[in-house]
Amino acid sequence: MEVSPQSLQNPTHGYIVQSWISQPTRDAARYVGTREIARGPRRIEEGSPVAARGRVCSIANALAVIGERWSLLVLREILLGERRFDQIARNTGASRDILAARLRTLVEAGVLEKRRYEEHPPRYEYVPTEAGRALQPILLNLMEWGDRYVTDGPPPTVWRHSCGAEFHPATVCAHCGGAATEEEMRAVRIGPVL
């Protein structure tokens, strides 16, 4: 089934997560395994990581790349500054084979870049691309949700903003700065159900 570019592209829907993080680049092709989920019009095939049935949705497309537990924990560590395989393995608790697979997927998707830091033996570190850095507000919002609704006791990780205050993310309208609450927003276009 051919899907129109309008239903797949993700224009700014009138809200952003703070304005200090740029929108992820649309120019980098994104891959999951060998299945392309690039921008623009495309054929959605049975067995594709993007939903072949159900609603055409950017959330489903994003989850095809980062929606697995170990992928999110890898991104947490990389955005905390841990860039080397052994450090990431230790801090996530992922087995080496699972970690290698998740890192490979994130590199192929254009979320991370693999850079050699030692020649003999060859060793690599993983650094976030623009698309990877654009995930920081999403991870911070997920952490905030976990602190509020899941974690018992005080938050295990606390961030401080450059203004000096403890950081708590807020999703606001890019136009007026108003809060992005259910009462203040409505969908003006919803992807079709296949």
N, C-alpha and C. Protein backbone atom coordinates (compact mmCIF):
# COMPACT_ATOMS: atom_id res chain seq x y z
N MET A 1 0.85 -1.18 0.00
CA MET A 1 0.00 0.00 0.00
C MET A 1 0.89 1.23 0.00
N GLU A 2 0.70 2.12 -0.95
CA GLU A 2 1.46 3.36 -1.04
C GLU A 2 0.86 4.37 -0.07
N VAL A 3 1.70 5.04 0.67
CA VAL A 3 1.22 6.02 1.65
C VAL A 3 1.71 7.38 1.22
N SER A 4 0.86 8.38 1.30
CA SER A 4 1.24 9.71 0.84
C SER A 4 2.26 10.34 1.77
N PRO A 5 3.14 11.20 1.23
CA PRO A 5 4.14 11.87 2.07
C PRO A 5 3.50 12.67 3.20
N GLN A 6 2.32 13.26 2.96
CA GLN A 6 1.70 14.07 3.99
C GLN A 6 1.36 13.25 5.24
N SER A 7 1.00 11.98 5.04
CA SER A 7 0.61 11.19 6.20
C SER A 7 1.81 10.62 6.94
N LEU A 8 3.01 10.64 6.32
CA LEU A 8 4.18 10.06 6.97
C LEU A 8 5.14 11.10 7.51
N GLN A 9 5.20 12.25 6.89
CA GLN A 9 6.13 13.24 7.38
C GLN A 9 5.62 13.78 8.72
N ASN A 10 6.55 14.20 9.57
CA ASN A 10 6.19 14.64 10.90
C ASN A 10 6.43 16.14 11.01
N PRO A 11 5.53 16.97 10.46
CA PRO A 11 5.73 18.41 10.61
C PRO A 11 5.56 18.78 12.08
N THR A 12 6.04 19.94 12.43
CA THR A 12 5.84 20.40 13.80
C THR A 12 4.35 20.55 14.01
N HIS A 13 3.83 19.80 14.97
CA HIS A 13 2.40 19.78 15.21
C HIS A 13 1.96 20.88 16.16
N GLY A 14 2.76 21.92 16.29
CA GLY A 14 2.38 23.03 17.14
C GLY A 14 2.88 22.91 18.56
N TYR A 15 3.64 21.88 18.87
CA TYR A 15 4.21 21.79 20.21
C TYR A 15 5.58 21.17 20.13
N ILE A 16 6.41 21.51 21.08
CA ILE A 16 7.76 20.95 21.16
C ILE A 16 8.05 20.65 22.62
N VAL A 17 9.10 19.88 22.84
CA VAL A 17 9.55 19.64 24.21
C VAL A 17 10.68 20.62 24.43
N GLN A 18 10.37 21.70 25.13
CA GLN A 18 11.28 22.80 25.33
C GLN A 18 11.89 23.22 24.00
N SER A 19 12.50 24.32 23.90
CA SER A 19 13.02 24.77 22.62
C SER A 19 14.53 24.61 22.52
N TRP A 20 15.16 24.03 23.52
CA TRP A 20 16.62 23.95 23.51
C TRP A 20 17.15 22.73 22.80
N ILE A 21 16.29 21.85 22.31
CA ILE A 21 16.73 20.69 21.54
C ILE A 21 16.18 20.82 20.13
N SER A 22 17.05 20.67 19.14
CA SER A 22 16.58 20.79 17.76
C SER A 22 15.78 19.58 17.34
N GLN A 23 14.92 19.76 16.34
CA GLN A 23 14.14 18.64 15.82
C GLN A 23 15.09 17.67 15.14
N PRO A 24 14.89 16.34 15.30
CA PRO A 24 15.80 15.39 14.69
C PRO A 24 15.85 15.55 13.18
N THR A 25 17.01 15.32 12.62
CA THR A 25 17.17 15.48 11.18
C THR A 25 16.32 14.47 10.43
N ARG A 26 15.75 14.88 9.34
CA ARG A 26 14.96 14.00 8.50
C ARG A 26 15.81 13.50 7.33
N ASP A 27 17.06 14.01 7.20
CA ASP A 27 17.88 13.65 6.06
C ASP A 27 18.58 12.32 6.22
N ALA A 28 18.79 11.87 7.45
CA ALA A 28 19.48 10.60 7.66
C ALA A 28 18.48 9.47 7.45
N ALA A 29 18.83 8.54 6.58
CA ALA A 29 17.97 7.36 6.41
C ALA A 29 18.04 6.55 7.69
N ARG A 30 16.91 5.97 8.06
CA ARG A 30 16.87 5.19 9.29
C ARG A 30 16.61 3.74 8.93
N TYR A 31 17.35 2.86 9.55
CA TYR A 31 17.21 1.44 9.25
C TYR A 31 16.98 0.64 10.51
N VAL A 32 16.22 -0.42 10.41
CA VAL A 32 16.09 -1.42 11.45
C VAL A 32 16.45 -2.72 10.77
N GLY A 33 17.57 -3.30 11.16
CA GLY A 33 18.05 -4.48 10.43
C GLY A 33 18.32 -4.05 9.00
N THR A 34 17.68 -4.69 8.04
CA THR A 34 17.86 -4.29 6.65
C THR A 34 16.63 -3.60 6.11
N ARG A 35 15.66 -3.32 6.95
CA ARG A 35 14.41 -2.71 6.50
C ARG A 35 14.49 -1.20 6.62
N GLU A 36 14.36 -0.53 5.51
CA GLU A 36 14.44 0.93 5.52
C GLU A 36 13.14 1.53 6.01
N ILE A 37 13.25 2.53 6.87
CA ILE A 37 12.08 3.32 7.24
C ILE A 37 12.42 4.78 7.02
N ALA A 38 12.82 5.09 5.78
CA ALA A 38 13.28 6.43 5.43
C ALA A 38 12.12 7.39 5.32
N ARG A 39 12.46 8.67 5.21
CA ARG A 39 11.45 9.70 5.12
C ARG A 39 10.75 9.65 3.77
N GLY A 40 9.63 10.36 3.70
CA GLY A 40 8.91 10.49 2.45
C GLY A 40 8.01 9.31 2.13
N PRO A 41 7.45 9.28 0.90
CA PRO A 41 6.53 8.20 0.54
C PRO A 41 7.26 6.87 0.51
N ARG A 42 6.58 5.83 0.96
CA ARG A 42 7.20 4.52 0.95
C ARG A 42 6.13 3.45 0.96
N ARG A 43 6.52 2.26 0.64
CA ARG A 43 5.61 1.13 0.65
C ARG A 43 5.73 0.46 2.01
N ILE A 44 4.61 0.29 2.69
CA ILE A 44 4.60 -0.40 3.96
C ILE A 44 4.29 -1.86 3.67
N GLU A 45 5.23 -2.72 3.95
CA GLU A 45 5.09 -4.13 3.60
C GLU A 45 4.79 -4.96 4.83
N GLU A 46 4.15 -6.11 4.60
CA GLU A 46 3.86 -7.06 5.67
C GLU A 46 5.17 -7.46 6.32
N GLY A 47 5.22 -7.50 7.64
CA GLY A 47 6.43 -7.88 8.36
C GLY A 47 7.41 -6.74 8.55
N SER A 48 7.08 -5.56 8.03
CA SER A 48 7.93 -4.39 8.18
C SER A 48 7.92 -3.95 9.64
N PRO A 49 9.01 -3.28 10.12
CA PRO A 49 9.00 -2.80 11.49
C PRO A 49 7.96 -1.71 11.71
N VAL A 50 7.55 -1.03 10.64
CA VAL A 50 6.51 -0.04 10.77
C VAL A 50 5.18 -0.79 10.65
N ALA A 51 4.20 -0.33 11.33
CA ALA A 51 2.92 -1.05 11.39
C ALA A 51 2.37 -1.32 10.00
N ALA A 52 2.14 -2.60 9.69
CA ALA A 52 1.51 -2.97 8.43
C ALA A 52 0.01 -2.93 8.59
N ARG A 53 -0.45 -3.04 9.81
CA ARG A 53 -1.87 -2.91 10.14
C ARG A 53 -1.98 -1.94 11.29
N GLY A 54 -3.14 -1.39 11.44
CA GLY A 54 -3.31 -0.41 12.49
C GLY A 54 -3.07 0.98 11.93
N ARG A 55 -2.92 1.94 12.81
CA ARG A 55 -2.80 3.34 12.41
C ARG A 55 -1.37 3.67 11.95
N VAL A 56 -1.27 4.36 10.82
CA VAL A 56 0.02 4.89 10.37
C VAL A 56 0.39 5.97 11.38
N CYS A 57 1.56 5.84 11.99
CA CYS A 57 1.85 6.67 13.15
C CYS A 57 3.35 6.84 13.35
N SER A 58 3.78 8.04 13.62
CA SER A 58 5.20 8.30 13.88
C SER A 58 5.66 7.67 15.19
N ILE A 59 4.74 7.45 16.13
CA ILE A 59 5.11 6.77 17.38
C ILE A 59 5.52 5.33 17.06
N ALA A 60 4.73 4.64 16.23
CA ALA A 60 5.06 3.27 15.83
C ALA A 60 6.38 3.24 15.07
N ASN A 61 6.61 4.21 14.20
CA ASN A 61 7.87 4.28 13.45
C ASN A 61 9.05 4.48 14.39
N ALA A 62 8.90 5.36 15.37
CA ALA A 62 9.98 5.60 16.33
C ALA A 62 10.23 4.37 17.19
N LEU A 63 9.16 3.70 17.62
CA LEU A 63 9.32 2.50 18.45
C LEU A 63 10.00 1.37 17.69
N ALA A 64 9.87 1.34 16.38
CA ALA A 64 10.56 0.34 15.58
C ALA A 64 12.08 0.50 15.70
N VAL A 65 12.53 1.71 16.02
CA VAL A 65 13.97 1.97 16.16
C VAL A 65 14.41 1.93 17.62
N ILE A 66 13.68 2.59 18.52
CA ILE A 66 14.16 2.75 19.90
C ILE A 66 13.25 2.14 20.95
N GLY A 67 12.22 1.43 20.55
CA GLY A 67 11.19 1.02 21.50
C GLY A 67 11.45 -0.24 22.29
N GLU A 68 12.65 -0.66 22.38
CA GLU A 68 12.98 -1.86 23.14
C GLU A 68 13.75 -1.44 24.40
N ARG A 69 13.52 -2.11 25.51
CA ARG A 69 14.10 -1.71 26.80
C ARG A 69 15.60 -1.44 26.72
N TRP A 70 16.35 -2.37 26.14
CA TRP A 70 17.81 -2.21 26.13
C TRP A 70 18.24 -1.03 25.28
N SER A 71 17.50 -0.74 24.22
CA SER A 71 17.84 0.42 23.39
C SER A 71 17.69 1.71 24.19
N LEU A 72 16.62 1.82 24.97
CA LEU A 72 16.41 3.02 25.78
C LEU A 72 17.48 3.15 26.86
N LEU A 73 17.86 2.02 27.47
CA LEU A 73 18.90 2.09 28.50
C LEU A 73 20.27 2.41 27.90
N VAL A 74 20.54 1.92 26.70
CA VAL A 74 21.78 2.29 25.99
C VAL A 74 21.79 3.80 25.76
N LEU A 75 20.67 4.33 25.27
CA LEU A 75 20.59 5.77 25.01
C LEU A 75 20.74 6.57 26.30
N ARG A 76 20.17 6.08 27.39
CA ARG A 76 20.35 6.75 28.69
C ARG A 76 21.84 6.87 29.02
N GLU A 77 22.56 5.77 28.89
CA GLU A 77 23.98 5.78 29.24
C GLU A 77 24.79 6.69 28.32
N ILE A 78 24.49 6.65 27.03
CA ILE A 78 25.23 7.48 26.09
C ILE A 78 24.96 8.95 26.34
N LEU A 79 23.72 9.30 26.64
CA LEU A 79 23.41 10.70 26.93
C LEU A 79 23.94 11.14 28.30
N LEU A 80 24.26 10.17 29.17
CA LEU A 80 24.94 10.48 30.43
C LEU A 80 26.45 10.59 30.25
N GLY A 81 26.94 10.29 29.05
CA GLY A 81 28.36 10.44 28.76
C GLY A 81 29.15 9.15 28.68
N GLU A 82 28.53 8.00 28.92
CA GLU A 82 29.22 6.72 28.79
C GLU A 82 29.22 6.33 27.31
N ARG A 83 30.37 6.13 26.72
CA ARG A 83 30.44 5.93 25.27
C ARG A 83 31.04 4.58 24.87
N ARG A 84 31.65 3.88 25.80
CA ARG A 84 32.34 2.64 25.46
C ARG A 84 31.53 1.41 25.84
N PHE A 85 31.68 0.36 25.02
CA PHE A 85 30.89 -0.86 25.14
C PHE A 85 30.89 -1.41 26.56
N ASP A 86 32.07 -1.58 27.17
CA ASP A 86 32.14 -2.16 28.52
C ASP A 86 31.41 -1.32 29.56
N GLN A 87 31.54 0.00 29.45
CA GLN A 87 30.83 0.89 30.37
C GLN A 87 29.32 0.76 30.21
N ILE A 88 28.88 0.73 28.96
CA ILE A 88 27.44 0.63 28.69
C ILE A 88 26.91 -0.71 29.19
N ALA A 89 27.67 -1.79 28.94
CA ALA A 89 27.25 -3.13 29.39
C ALA A 89 27.12 -3.16 30.91
N ARG A 90 28.11 -2.62 31.61
CA ARG A 90 28.09 -2.62 33.07
C ARG A 90 26.92 -1.82 33.62
N ASN A 91 26.66 -0.66 33.05
CA ASN A 91 25.64 0.24 33.59
C ASN A 91 24.21 -0.13 33.22
N THR A 92 24.04 -0.90 32.14
CA THR A 92 22.69 -1.32 31.74
C THR A 92 22.35 -2.71 32.25
N GLY A 93 23.36 -3.54 32.46
CA GLY A 93 23.12 -4.93 32.83
C GLY A 93 22.77 -5.80 31.64
N ALA A 94 22.86 -5.27 30.43
CA ALA A 94 22.56 -6.04 29.22
C ALA A 94 23.66 -7.05 28.95
N SER A 95 23.29 -8.22 28.44
CA SER A 95 24.30 -9.19 28.03
C SER A 95 25.05 -8.62 26.82
N ARG A 96 26.25 -9.09 26.60
CA ARG A 96 27.10 -8.54 25.53
C ARG A 96 26.47 -8.75 24.15
N ASP A 97 25.83 -9.89 23.92
CA ASP A 97 25.24 -10.13 22.60
C ASP A 97 24.02 -9.24 22.37
N ILE A 98 23.19 -9.06 23.38
CA ILE A 98 22.04 -8.16 23.25
C ILE A 98 22.51 -6.72 23.06
N LEU A 99 23.50 -6.31 23.84
CA LEU A 99 24.02 -4.95 23.72
C LEU A 99 24.60 -4.71 22.33
N ALA A 100 25.37 -5.67 21.83
CA ALA A 100 25.96 -5.51 20.49
C ALA A 100 24.86 -5.36 19.43
N ALA A 101 23.80 -6.15 19.55
CA ALA A 101 22.69 -6.06 18.59
C ALA A 101 21.99 -4.71 18.68
N ARG A 102 21.75 -4.22 19.89
CA ARG A 102 21.05 -2.93 20.04
C ARG A 102 21.92 -1.79 19.54
N LEU A 103 23.20 -1.82 19.84
CA LEU A 103 24.10 -0.77 19.34
C LEU A 103 24.14 -0.78 17.82
N ARG A 104 24.21 -1.96 17.22
CA ARG A 104 24.21 -2.08 15.76
C ARG A 104 22.93 -1.47 15.17
N THR A 105 21.78 -1.78 15.75
CA THR A 105 20.51 -1.23 15.27
C THR A 105 20.50 0.29 15.38
N LEU A 106 20.97 0.83 16.51
CA LEU A 106 20.97 2.28 16.70
C LEU A 106 21.94 2.98 15.75
N VAL A 107 23.07 2.34 15.45
CA VAL A 107 24.01 2.90 14.47
C VAL A 107 23.39 2.86 13.08
N GLU A 108 22.81 1.73 12.69
CA GLU A 108 22.18 1.59 11.37
C GLU A 108 21.01 2.56 11.21
N ALA A 109 20.33 2.88 12.30
CA ALA A 109 19.19 3.79 12.25
C ALA A 109 19.62 5.25 12.23
N GLY A 110 20.90 5.53 12.40
CA GLY A 110 21.36 6.91 12.40
C GLY A 110 21.19 7.63 13.72
N VAL A 111 20.95 6.87 14.79
CA VAL A 111 20.77 7.46 16.12
C VAL A 111 22.13 7.62 16.81
N LEU A 112 23.03 6.68 16.56
CA LEU A 112 24.38 6.72 17.11
C LEU A 112 25.40 6.61 15.98
N GLU A 113 26.60 7.08 16.26
CA GLU A 113 27.73 6.93 15.35
C GLU A 113 28.80 6.12 16.07
N LYS A 114 29.38 5.16 15.38
CA LYS A 114 30.44 4.32 15.95
C LYS A 114 31.77 4.92 15.51
N ARG A 115 32.61 5.30 16.49
CA ARG A 115 33.91 5.92 16.20
C ARG A 115 35.03 5.12 16.82
N ARG A 116 36.07 4.89 16.05
CA ARG A 116 37.25 4.16 16.56
C ARG A 116 38.06 5.09 17.45
N TYR A 117 38.41 4.62 18.64
CA TYR A 117 39.25 5.42 19.53
C TYR A 117 40.59 4.75 19.79
N GLU A 118 40.76 3.51 19.35
CA GLU A 118 42.03 2.81 19.51
C GLU A 118 42.25 1.92 18.29
N GLU A 119 43.49 1.92 17.78
CA GLU A 119 43.80 1.16 16.58
C GLU A 119 44.11 -0.30 16.86
N HIS A 120 44.99 -0.56 17.83
CA HIS A 120 45.44 -1.94 18.11
C HIS A 120 45.22 -2.28 19.57
N PRO A 121 44.30 -3.13 19.90
CA PRO A 121 43.28 -3.70 19.02
C PRO A 121 42.23 -2.64 18.71
N PRO A 122 41.49 -2.84 17.61
CA PRO A 122 40.48 -1.83 17.28
C PRO A 122 39.39 -1.76 18.35
N ARG A 123 39.15 -0.55 18.88
CA ARG A 123 38.11 -0.33 19.88
C ARG A 123 37.30 0.88 19.45
N TYR A 124 36.01 0.82 19.80
CA TYR A 124 35.08 1.84 19.33
C TYR A 124 34.31 2.45 20.50
N GLU A 125 33.87 3.68 20.27
CA GLU A 125 32.93 4.32 21.19
C GLU A 125 31.72 4.73 20.37
N TYR A 126 30.64 5.01 21.08
CA TYR A 126 29.37 5.35 20.43
C TYR A 126 28.97 6.75 20.85
N VAL A 127 28.74 7.59 19.86
CA VAL A 127 28.37 8.98 20.15
C VAL A 127 27.01 9.27 19.50
N PRO A 128 26.20 10.09 20.15
CA PRO A 128 24.88 10.39 19.57
C PRO A 128 25.00 11.30 18.35
N THR A 129 24.21 11.02 17.35
CA THR A 129 24.08 11.90 16.20
C THR A 129 23.07 12.99 16.56
N GLU A 130 22.74 13.83 15.61
CA GLU A 130 21.70 14.83 15.87
C GLU A 130 20.39 14.15 16.27
N ALA A 131 20.06 13.06 15.55
CA ALA A 131 18.83 12.32 15.88
C ALA A 131 18.92 11.72 17.28
N GLY A 132 20.10 11.26 17.68
CA GLY A 132 20.28 10.71 19.02
C GLY A 132 20.17 11.78 20.10
N ARG A 133 20.78 12.93 19.86
CA ARG A 133 20.69 14.02 20.84
C ARG A 133 19.26 14.53 20.97
N ALA A 134 18.49 14.46 19.87
CA ALA A 134 17.09 14.91 19.91
C ALA A 134 16.23 14.02 20.79
N LEU A 135 16.74 12.84 21.17
CA LEU A 135 16.00 11.96 22.07
C LEU A 135 16.14 12.35 23.54
N GLN A 136 17.06 13.26 23.86
CA GLN A 136 17.26 13.64 25.26
C GLN A 136 15.99 14.13 25.94
N PRO A 137 15.21 15.04 25.34
CA PRO A 137 14.00 15.47 26.05
C PRO A 137 12.99 14.34 26.23
N ILE A 138 12.97 13.40 25.32
CA ILE A 138 12.05 12.26 25.44
C ILE A 138 12.47 11.39 26.62
N LEU A 139 13.78 11.13 26.72
CA LEU A 139 14.28 10.33 27.84
C LEU A 139 14.07 11.07 29.17
N LEU A 140 14.27 12.38 29.17
CA LEU A 140 14.05 13.15 30.40
C LEU A 140 12.59 13.13 30.81
N ASN A 141 11.68 13.21 29.85
CA ASN A 141 10.25 13.11 30.17
C ASN A 141 9.89 11.72 30.65
N LEU A 142 10.48 10.68 30.06
CA LEU A 142 10.23 9.31 30.51
C LEU A 142 10.76 9.13 31.94
N MET A 143 11.92 9.70 32.22
CA MET A 143 12.48 9.65 33.58
C MET A 143 11.56 10.37 34.57
N GLU A 144 11.06 11.53 34.18
CA GLU A 144 10.15 12.29 35.05
C GLU A 144 8.90 11.48 35.35
N TRP A 145 8.35 10.83 34.32
CA TRP A 145 7.17 9.98 34.52
C TRP A 145 7.49 8.83 35.47
N GLY A 146 8.66 8.19 35.27
CA GLY A 146 9.06 7.10 36.16
C GLY A 146 9.26 7.56 37.59
N ASP A 147 9.86 8.75 37.77
CA ASP A 147 10.04 9.31 39.11
C ASP A 147 8.69 9.52 39.80
N ARG A 148 7.72 9.99 39.06
CA ARG A 148 6.42 10.35 39.63
C ARG A 148 5.51 9.14 39.85
N TYR A 149 5.49 8.20 38.91
CA TYR A 149 4.48 7.15 38.96
C TYR A 149 4.99 5.74 39.24
N VAL A 150 6.30 5.52 39.19
CA VAL A 150 6.80 4.15 39.32
C VAL A 150 7.84 4.00 40.44
N THR A 151 8.76 4.91 40.55
CA THR A 151 9.87 4.80 41.49
C THR A 151 9.42 5.13 42.90
N ASP A 152 9.72 4.23 43.85
CA ASP A 152 9.48 4.52 45.26
C ASP A 152 10.64 5.34 45.80
N GLY A 153 10.34 6.30 46.63
CA GLY A 153 11.38 7.11 47.23
C GLY A 153 11.82 8.24 46.31
N PRO A 154 12.94 8.87 46.67
CA PRO A 154 13.41 10.01 45.88
C PRO A 154 13.94 9.54 44.52
N PRO A 155 13.93 10.43 43.52
CA PRO A 155 14.43 10.06 42.20
C PRO A 155 15.90 9.62 42.28
N PRO A 156 16.27 8.53 41.59
CA PRO A 156 17.65 8.07 41.63
C PRO A 156 18.60 9.01 40.89
N THR A 157 18.12 9.70 39.87
CA THR A 157 18.94 10.62 39.09
C THR A 157 18.27 11.98 39.10
N VAL A 158 19.05 13.02 39.35
CA VAL A 158 18.52 14.38 39.37
C VAL A 158 19.39 15.23 38.45
N TRP A 159 18.76 16.02 37.61
CA TRP A 159 19.47 16.94 36.71
C TRP A 159 19.30 18.36 37.23
N ARG A 160 20.33 19.18 36.99
CA ARG A 160 20.26 20.60 37.34
C ARG A 160 20.38 21.40 36.04
N HIS A 161 19.53 22.38 35.88
CA HIS A 161 19.56 23.25 34.70
C HIS A 161 20.63 24.32 34.90
N SER A 162 21.08 24.94 33.82
CA SER A 162 22.11 25.98 33.92
C SER A 162 21.64 27.18 34.74
N CYS A 163 20.33 27.35 34.92
CA CYS A 163 19.81 28.44 35.74
C CYS A 163 20.01 28.18 37.23
N GLY A 164 20.39 26.93 37.58
CA GLY A 164 20.63 26.58 38.97
C GLY A 164 19.52 25.76 39.60
N ALA A 165 18.36 25.70 38.97
CA ALA A 165 17.23 24.95 39.53
C ALA A 165 17.31 23.48 39.15
N GLU A 166 16.70 22.64 39.98
CA GLU A 166 16.57 21.23 39.63
C GLU A 166 15.70 21.16 38.38
N PHE A 167 16.14 20.37 37.40
CA PHE A 167 15.46 20.35 36.11
C PHE A 167 14.28 19.39 36.11
N HIS A 168 13.13 19.90 35.64
CA HIS A 168 11.93 19.09 35.39
C HIS A 168 11.42 19.49 34.01
N PRO A 169 11.36 18.53 33.07
CA PRO A 169 10.95 18.88 31.71
C PRO A 169 9.47 19.25 31.65
N ALA A 170 9.16 20.11 30.69
CA ALA A 170 7.77 20.51 30.45
C ALA A 170 7.57 20.61 28.95
N THR A 171 6.52 20.01 28.44
CA THR A 171 6.20 20.12 27.03
C THR A 171 5.30 21.33 26.85
N VAL A 172 5.74 22.22 25.98
CA VAL A 172 5.02 23.48 25.79
C VAL A 172 4.80 23.74 24.31
N CYS A 173 3.84 24.60 24.01
CA CYS A 173 3.57 25.03 22.65
C CYS A 173 4.72 25.91 22.17
N ALA A 174 5.24 25.61 20.99
CA ALA A 174 6.33 26.41 20.43
C ALA A 174 5.88 27.82 20.07
N HIS A 175 4.60 27.99 19.83
CA HIS A 175 4.09 29.29 19.42
C HIS A 175 3.81 30.21 20.62
N CYS A 176 3.05 29.71 21.61
CA CYS A 176 2.62 30.59 22.71
C CYS A 176 3.27 30.26 24.05
N GLY A 177 3.93 29.12 24.15
CA GLY A 177 4.55 28.74 25.42
C GLY A 177 3.60 28.10 26.41
N GLY A 178 2.34 27.91 26.03
CA GLY A 178 1.36 27.29 26.91
C GLY A 178 1.62 25.80 27.08
N ALA A 179 1.16 25.28 28.20
CA ALA A 179 1.35 23.86 28.50
C ALA A 179 0.63 22.99 27.47
N ALA A 180 1.23 21.85 27.15
CA ALA A 180 0.64 20.89 26.21
C ALA A 180 -0.15 19.86 26.99
N THR A 181 -1.33 20.25 27.42
CA THR A 181 -2.19 19.34 28.19
C THR A 181 -3.31 18.83 27.29
N GLU A 182 -3.96 17.77 27.72
CA GLU A 182 -5.07 17.20 26.96
C GLU A 182 -6.16 18.24 26.71
N GLU A 183 -6.40 19.09 27.70
CA GLU A 183 -7.44 20.11 27.57
C GLU A 183 -7.07 21.20 26.56
N GLU A 184 -5.80 21.44 26.37
CA GLU A 184 -5.35 22.54 25.53
C GLU A 184 -5.03 22.13 24.09
N MET A 185 -5.11 20.83 23.77
CA MET A 185 -4.71 20.38 22.45
C MET A 185 -5.78 19.50 21.82
N ARG A 186 -5.77 19.46 20.48
CA ARG A 186 -6.62 18.53 19.75
C ARG A 186 -5.88 18.12 18.48
N ALA A 187 -6.07 16.90 18.06
CA ALA A 187 -5.45 16.42 16.82
C ALA A 187 -6.15 17.05 15.63
N VAL A 188 -5.38 17.55 14.68
CA VAL A 188 -5.96 18.13 13.47
C VAL A 188 -5.77 17.21 12.27
N ARG A 189 -4.89 16.22 12.41
CA ARG A 189 -4.71 15.19 11.40
C ARG A 189 -4.29 13.92 12.12
N ILE A 190 -4.94 12.82 11.79
CA ILE A 190 -4.61 11.54 12.39
C ILE A 190 -4.32 10.56 11.25
N GLY A 191 -3.24 9.79 11.39
CA GLY A 191 -2.88 8.84 10.35
C GLY A 191 -3.98 7.82 10.11
N PRO A 192 -4.08 7.35 8.85
CA PRO A 192 -5.13 6.39 8.52
C PRO A 192 -4.87 5.03 9.16
N VAL A 193 -5.92 4.26 9.35
CA VAL A 193 -5.82 2.90 9.86
C VAL A 193 -5.76 1.98 8.66
N LEU A 194 -4.73 1.13 8.61
CA LEU A 194 -4.57 0.21 7.49
C LEU A 194 -5.19 -1.13 7.80
